[in-house]
Structure formats: C-alpha cells, structure tokens
N, C-alpha and C. Protein backbone atom coordinates (compact mmCIF):
# COMPACT_ATOMS: atom_id res chain seq x y z
N MET A 1 2.66 17.92 4.38
CA MET A 1 4.04 18.28 4.24
C MET A 1 4.60 17.64 2.98
N ARG A 2 5.18 18.41 2.13
CA ARG A 2 5.77 17.91 0.89
C ARG A 2 7.28 17.78 1.08
N ARG A 3 7.79 16.58 0.73
CA ARG A 3 9.22 16.33 0.86
C ARG A 3 9.79 15.96 -0.50
N LYS A 4 10.95 16.50 -0.81
CA LYS A 4 11.58 16.20 -2.10
C LYS A 4 12.11 14.78 -2.16
N ASN A 5 12.48 14.19 -1.03
CA ASN A 5 13.04 12.85 -1.03
C ASN A 5 11.99 11.77 -0.71
N LEU A 6 10.74 12.10 -0.87
CA LEU A 6 9.65 11.16 -0.59
C LEU A 6 9.70 9.99 -1.56
N GLU A 7 9.47 8.80 -1.03
CA GLU A 7 9.37 7.58 -1.84
C GLU A 7 8.15 6.81 -1.35
N VAL A 8 7.37 6.27 -2.28
CA VAL A 8 6.19 5.50 -1.90
C VAL A 8 6.06 4.23 -2.75
N VAL A 9 5.40 3.25 -2.15
CA VAL A 9 4.99 2.04 -2.85
C VAL A 9 3.54 1.82 -2.46
N ALA A 10 2.68 1.70 -3.46
CA ALA A 10 1.25 1.46 -3.21
C ALA A 10 0.95 -0.01 -3.45
N LEU A 11 0.12 -0.55 -2.58
CA LEU A 11 -0.30 -1.95 -2.69
C LEU A 11 -1.78 -2.03 -2.97
N GLU A 12 -2.17 -3.02 -3.75
CA GLU A 12 -3.58 -3.31 -4.02
C GLU A 12 -3.82 -4.75 -3.59
N TYR A 13 -4.92 -4.96 -2.90
CA TYR A 13 -5.22 -6.31 -2.44
C TYR A 13 -6.52 -6.76 -3.09
N GLY A 14 -7.64 -6.34 -2.55
CA GLY A 14 -8.94 -6.63 -3.17
C GLY A 14 -9.11 -8.03 -3.67
N ALA A 15 -9.22 -8.20 -4.98
CA ALA A 15 -9.50 -9.49 -5.59
C ALA A 15 -8.24 -10.34 -5.79
N ASN A 16 -7.08 -9.80 -5.47
CA ASN A 16 -5.83 -10.52 -5.67
C ASN A 16 -5.61 -11.57 -4.58
N LYS A 17 -4.90 -12.63 -4.94
CA LYS A 17 -4.56 -13.68 -3.98
C LYS A 17 -3.66 -13.13 -2.88
N ALA A 18 -2.75 -12.26 -3.25
CA ALA A 18 -1.83 -11.61 -2.32
C ALA A 18 -1.72 -10.14 -2.74
N PRO A 19 -1.32 -9.26 -1.82
CA PRO A 19 -1.15 -7.86 -2.21
C PRO A 19 -0.16 -7.73 -3.37
N VAL A 20 -0.46 -6.78 -4.25
CA VAL A 20 0.32 -6.54 -5.46
C VAL A 20 0.76 -5.08 -5.45
N VAL A 21 1.98 -4.82 -5.91
CA VAL A 21 2.46 -3.45 -6.04
C VAL A 21 1.67 -2.81 -7.19
N SER A 22 0.93 -1.76 -6.87
CA SER A 22 0.10 -1.11 -7.89
C SER A 22 0.69 0.20 -8.39
N ALA A 23 1.57 0.80 -7.61
CA ALA A 23 2.23 2.04 -8.03
C ALA A 23 3.44 2.25 -7.15
N LYS A 24 4.40 2.97 -7.67
CA LYS A 24 5.55 3.36 -6.87
C LYS A 24 6.19 4.58 -7.52
N GLY A 25 6.86 5.35 -6.70
CA GLY A 25 7.50 6.54 -7.24
C GLY A 25 8.31 7.27 -6.20
N GLN A 26 9.03 8.26 -6.67
CA GLN A 26 9.86 9.10 -5.82
C GLN A 26 9.57 10.56 -6.10
N ALA A 27 9.89 11.38 -5.13
CA ALA A 27 9.79 12.85 -5.23
C ALA A 27 8.39 13.29 -5.64
N GLU A 28 8.28 14.02 -6.76
CA GLU A 28 6.99 14.59 -7.17
C GLU A 28 5.96 13.51 -7.50
N LEU A 29 6.37 12.45 -8.18
CA LEU A 29 5.45 11.36 -8.49
C LEU A 29 4.95 10.71 -7.20
N ALA A 30 5.83 10.52 -6.24
CA ALA A 30 5.44 9.95 -4.95
C ALA A 30 4.39 10.83 -4.28
N GLN A 31 4.59 12.12 -4.30
CA GLN A 31 3.63 13.04 -3.68
C GLN A 31 2.28 12.97 -4.37
N ARG A 32 2.29 12.85 -5.70
CA ARG A 32 1.01 12.73 -6.43
C ARG A 32 0.30 11.44 -6.06
N ILE A 33 1.05 10.36 -5.87
CA ILE A 33 0.45 9.09 -5.46
C ILE A 33 -0.18 9.22 -4.08
N VAL A 34 0.54 9.84 -3.15
CA VAL A 34 0.02 10.04 -1.79
C VAL A 34 -1.21 10.93 -1.82
N ASP A 35 -1.15 12.03 -2.56
CA ASP A 35 -2.30 12.94 -2.65
C ASP A 35 -3.53 12.24 -3.21
N ALA A 36 -3.34 11.43 -4.25
CA ALA A 36 -4.46 10.72 -4.86
C ALA A 36 -5.04 9.69 -3.89
N ALA A 37 -4.17 9.00 -3.18
CA ALA A 37 -4.64 8.02 -2.20
C ALA A 37 -5.44 8.69 -1.09
N GLN A 38 -4.92 9.76 -0.55
CA GLN A 38 -5.60 10.46 0.54
C GLN A 38 -6.93 11.05 0.07
N ALA A 39 -6.98 11.52 -1.16
CA ALA A 39 -8.23 12.07 -1.70
C ALA A 39 -9.31 10.99 -1.81
N GLN A 40 -8.88 9.74 -1.96
CA GLN A 40 -9.83 8.63 -2.06
C GLN A 40 -10.06 7.94 -0.72
N GLY A 41 -9.49 8.49 0.34
CA GLY A 41 -9.67 7.91 1.67
C GLY A 41 -8.86 6.65 1.90
N ILE A 42 -7.79 6.48 1.15
CA ILE A 42 -6.94 5.31 1.29
C ILE A 42 -5.90 5.57 2.38
N TYR A 43 -5.74 4.59 3.25
CA TYR A 43 -4.79 4.69 4.36
C TYR A 43 -3.36 4.75 3.82
N VAL A 44 -2.58 5.69 4.32
CA VAL A 44 -1.18 5.85 3.93
C VAL A 44 -0.33 5.61 5.17
N ALA A 45 0.42 4.51 5.16
CA ALA A 45 1.27 4.14 6.29
C ALA A 45 2.70 4.61 6.04
N GLN A 46 3.42 4.83 7.12
CA GLN A 46 4.83 5.20 7.02
C GLN A 46 5.64 4.14 7.76
N ASP A 47 6.34 3.32 6.99
CA ASP A 47 7.16 2.24 7.55
C ASP A 47 8.42 2.14 6.69
N PRO A 48 9.48 2.83 7.07
CA PRO A 48 10.70 2.87 6.24
C PRO A 48 11.29 1.49 5.95
N ALA A 49 11.28 0.58 6.92
CA ALA A 49 11.84 -0.76 6.70
C ALA A 49 11.02 -1.52 5.67
N LEU A 50 9.70 -1.47 5.79
CA LEU A 50 8.83 -2.14 4.82
C LEU A 50 8.96 -1.49 3.45
N LEU A 51 9.04 -0.18 3.40
CA LEU A 51 9.22 0.54 2.13
C LEU A 51 10.49 0.06 1.44
N ALA A 52 11.57 -0.10 2.18
CA ALA A 52 12.83 -0.54 1.59
C ALA A 52 12.68 -1.90 0.91
N MET A 53 11.94 -2.79 1.55
CA MET A 53 11.73 -4.13 0.96
C MET A 53 10.77 -4.08 -0.23
N LEU A 54 9.68 -3.31 -0.08
CA LEU A 54 8.68 -3.25 -1.16
C LEU A 54 9.21 -2.51 -2.39
N SER A 55 10.10 -1.56 -2.19
CA SER A 55 10.60 -0.78 -3.32
C SER A 55 11.44 -1.62 -4.28
N ARG A 56 11.86 -2.80 -3.85
CA ARG A 56 12.63 -3.70 -4.72
C ARG A 56 11.73 -4.45 -5.70
N LEU A 57 10.42 -4.42 -5.46
CA LEU A 57 9.48 -5.15 -6.30
C LEU A 57 9.07 -4.31 -7.50
N ASP A 58 8.64 -4.98 -8.55
CA ASP A 58 8.15 -4.32 -9.75
C ASP A 58 6.66 -4.05 -9.62
N ILE A 59 6.17 -3.10 -10.39
CA ILE A 59 4.74 -2.83 -10.45
C ILE A 59 4.05 -4.09 -11.00
N GLU A 60 2.90 -4.44 -10.42
CA GLU A 60 2.09 -5.61 -10.72
C GLU A 60 2.69 -6.91 -10.18
N GLN A 61 3.74 -6.81 -9.38
CA GLN A 61 4.33 -8.00 -8.76
C GLN A 61 3.68 -8.24 -7.40
N GLU A 62 3.32 -9.51 -7.13
CA GLU A 62 2.80 -9.87 -5.81
C GLU A 62 3.92 -9.75 -4.78
N ILE A 63 3.53 -9.39 -3.57
CA ILE A 63 4.54 -9.37 -2.52
C ILE A 63 4.95 -10.81 -2.21
N PRO A 64 6.21 -11.03 -1.86
CA PRO A 64 6.66 -12.39 -1.54
C PRO A 64 6.15 -12.82 -0.16
N PRO A 65 6.04 -14.12 0.05
CA PRO A 65 5.53 -14.63 1.33
C PRO A 65 6.26 -14.09 2.56
N GLN A 66 7.55 -13.80 2.45
CA GLN A 66 8.28 -13.29 3.62
C GLN A 66 7.82 -11.89 4.04
N LEU A 67 7.04 -11.20 3.22
CA LEU A 67 6.51 -9.89 3.59
C LEU A 67 5.06 -9.95 4.05
N TYR A 68 4.43 -11.12 4.01
CA TYR A 68 3.03 -11.24 4.40
C TYR A 68 2.77 -10.70 5.80
N ALA A 69 3.59 -11.07 6.76
CA ALA A 69 3.34 -10.65 8.15
C ALA A 69 3.42 -9.13 8.28
N ALA A 70 4.44 -8.52 7.70
CA ALA A 70 4.59 -7.07 7.81
C ALA A 70 3.44 -6.34 7.12
N VAL A 71 3.07 -6.80 5.94
CA VAL A 71 1.98 -6.15 5.21
C VAL A 71 0.64 -6.40 5.90
N SER A 72 0.48 -7.56 6.53
CA SER A 72 -0.79 -7.84 7.21
C SER A 72 -1.04 -6.87 8.37
N VAL A 73 0.02 -6.40 9.01
CA VAL A 73 -0.13 -5.41 10.07
C VAL A 73 -0.71 -4.12 9.49
N ILE A 74 -0.16 -3.69 8.37
CA ILE A 74 -0.64 -2.46 7.70
C ILE A 74 -2.09 -2.67 7.25
N LEU A 75 -2.37 -3.82 6.65
CA LEU A 75 -3.74 -4.08 6.18
C LEU A 75 -4.74 -4.13 7.32
N SER A 76 -4.32 -4.70 8.46
CA SER A 76 -5.25 -4.77 9.59
C SER A 76 -5.62 -3.37 10.08
N TRP A 77 -4.66 -2.46 10.07
CA TRP A 77 -4.96 -1.07 10.43
C TRP A 77 -5.91 -0.44 9.42
N ALA A 78 -5.65 -0.70 8.14
CA ALA A 78 -6.51 -0.13 7.10
C ALA A 78 -7.94 -0.64 7.23
N TYR A 79 -8.10 -1.94 7.47
CA TYR A 79 -9.44 -2.50 7.70
C TYR A 79 -10.10 -1.82 8.89
N TRP A 80 -9.38 -1.75 10.00
CA TRP A 80 -9.93 -1.18 11.22
C TRP A 80 -10.37 0.27 11.01
N LEU A 81 -9.53 1.06 10.34
CA LEU A 81 -9.86 2.46 10.10
C LEU A 81 -11.12 2.63 9.26
N LYS A 82 -11.36 1.68 8.37
CA LYS A 82 -12.55 1.76 7.50
C LYS A 82 -13.74 0.99 8.06
N GLY A 83 -13.57 0.39 9.23
CA GLY A 83 -14.66 -0.38 9.82
C GLY A 83 -14.97 -1.65 9.05
N MET A 84 -13.95 -2.21 8.42
CA MET A 84 -14.11 -3.40 7.59
C MET A 84 -13.49 -4.62 8.28
N GLU A 85 -13.83 -5.78 7.75
CA GLU A 85 -13.21 -7.02 8.17
C GLU A 85 -12.58 -7.66 6.94
N PRO A 86 -11.54 -8.49 7.13
CA PRO A 86 -10.95 -9.18 5.98
C PRO A 86 -12.02 -9.92 5.18
N GLY A 87 -11.97 -9.77 3.89
CA GLY A 87 -12.97 -10.38 2.99
C GLY A 87 -14.01 -9.41 2.53
N ASP A 88 -14.24 -8.31 3.28
CA ASP A 88 -15.24 -7.33 2.87
C ASP A 88 -14.91 -6.71 1.52
N GLU A 89 -13.62 -6.53 1.23
CA GLU A 89 -13.24 -5.90 -0.04
C GLU A 89 -13.63 -6.78 -1.23
N LYS A 90 -13.63 -8.09 -1.04
CA LYS A 90 -14.02 -8.99 -2.10
C LYS A 90 -15.53 -8.94 -2.36
N LYS A 91 -16.31 -8.64 -1.34
CA LYS A 91 -17.75 -8.52 -1.47
C LYS A 91 -18.14 -7.26 -2.26
N GLN A 92 -17.28 -6.24 -2.22
CA GLN A 92 -17.57 -4.96 -2.87
C GLN A 92 -17.26 -4.97 -4.36
N LEU A 93 -16.58 -6.02 -4.84
CA LEU A 93 -16.19 -6.05 -6.25
C LEU A 93 -17.30 -6.52 -7.14
C-alpha cells in the first residue's frame, strides 16, 4: 500500500556502538526507502510513537540512550525473524 503521507526513519546497527539513523524521508522518498528495505529482506516496523522520536534525529546520528529500550524491542523482533542472535551481525562484517 502506497501512502502519500508516509514517513520513515531507517536505523543501522551492525558494527556501530549504538543504532544510527541511516536514512529518513517522507512521501515518495519514504516509499523508496521502504521498498529498498523490503527488497533486501530488512524488517520494516510500524511504531508511530518511536517514529516521532527518531524523526528528530539527523542522518548518521546515534540514537540517544533514552530510546535504547524502544529500539531494542524492534531489534529483537528483527533478530528473531532472521533467526539471528545479538552479536551475529558483527560476525558477518
């Protein structure tokens, strides 16, 4: 489903100490980000409250400690969906 008011924030974790905002956008750009993520098998979560907080961050900015708990819930789902455990992403680099 394509929505004109779509907004997204993409996070990258991997080798980073904390998750980092890797991309963000609205409308058409947001849809392209979602499409690219889904094409690569990347989990796309929908959490409007978390999106509101993450959208205040700049690209390449680490998430602040107060968002660790909320983001860890999303990451735990992503790990589970891929059959991974925390730390596996660092082994793949």
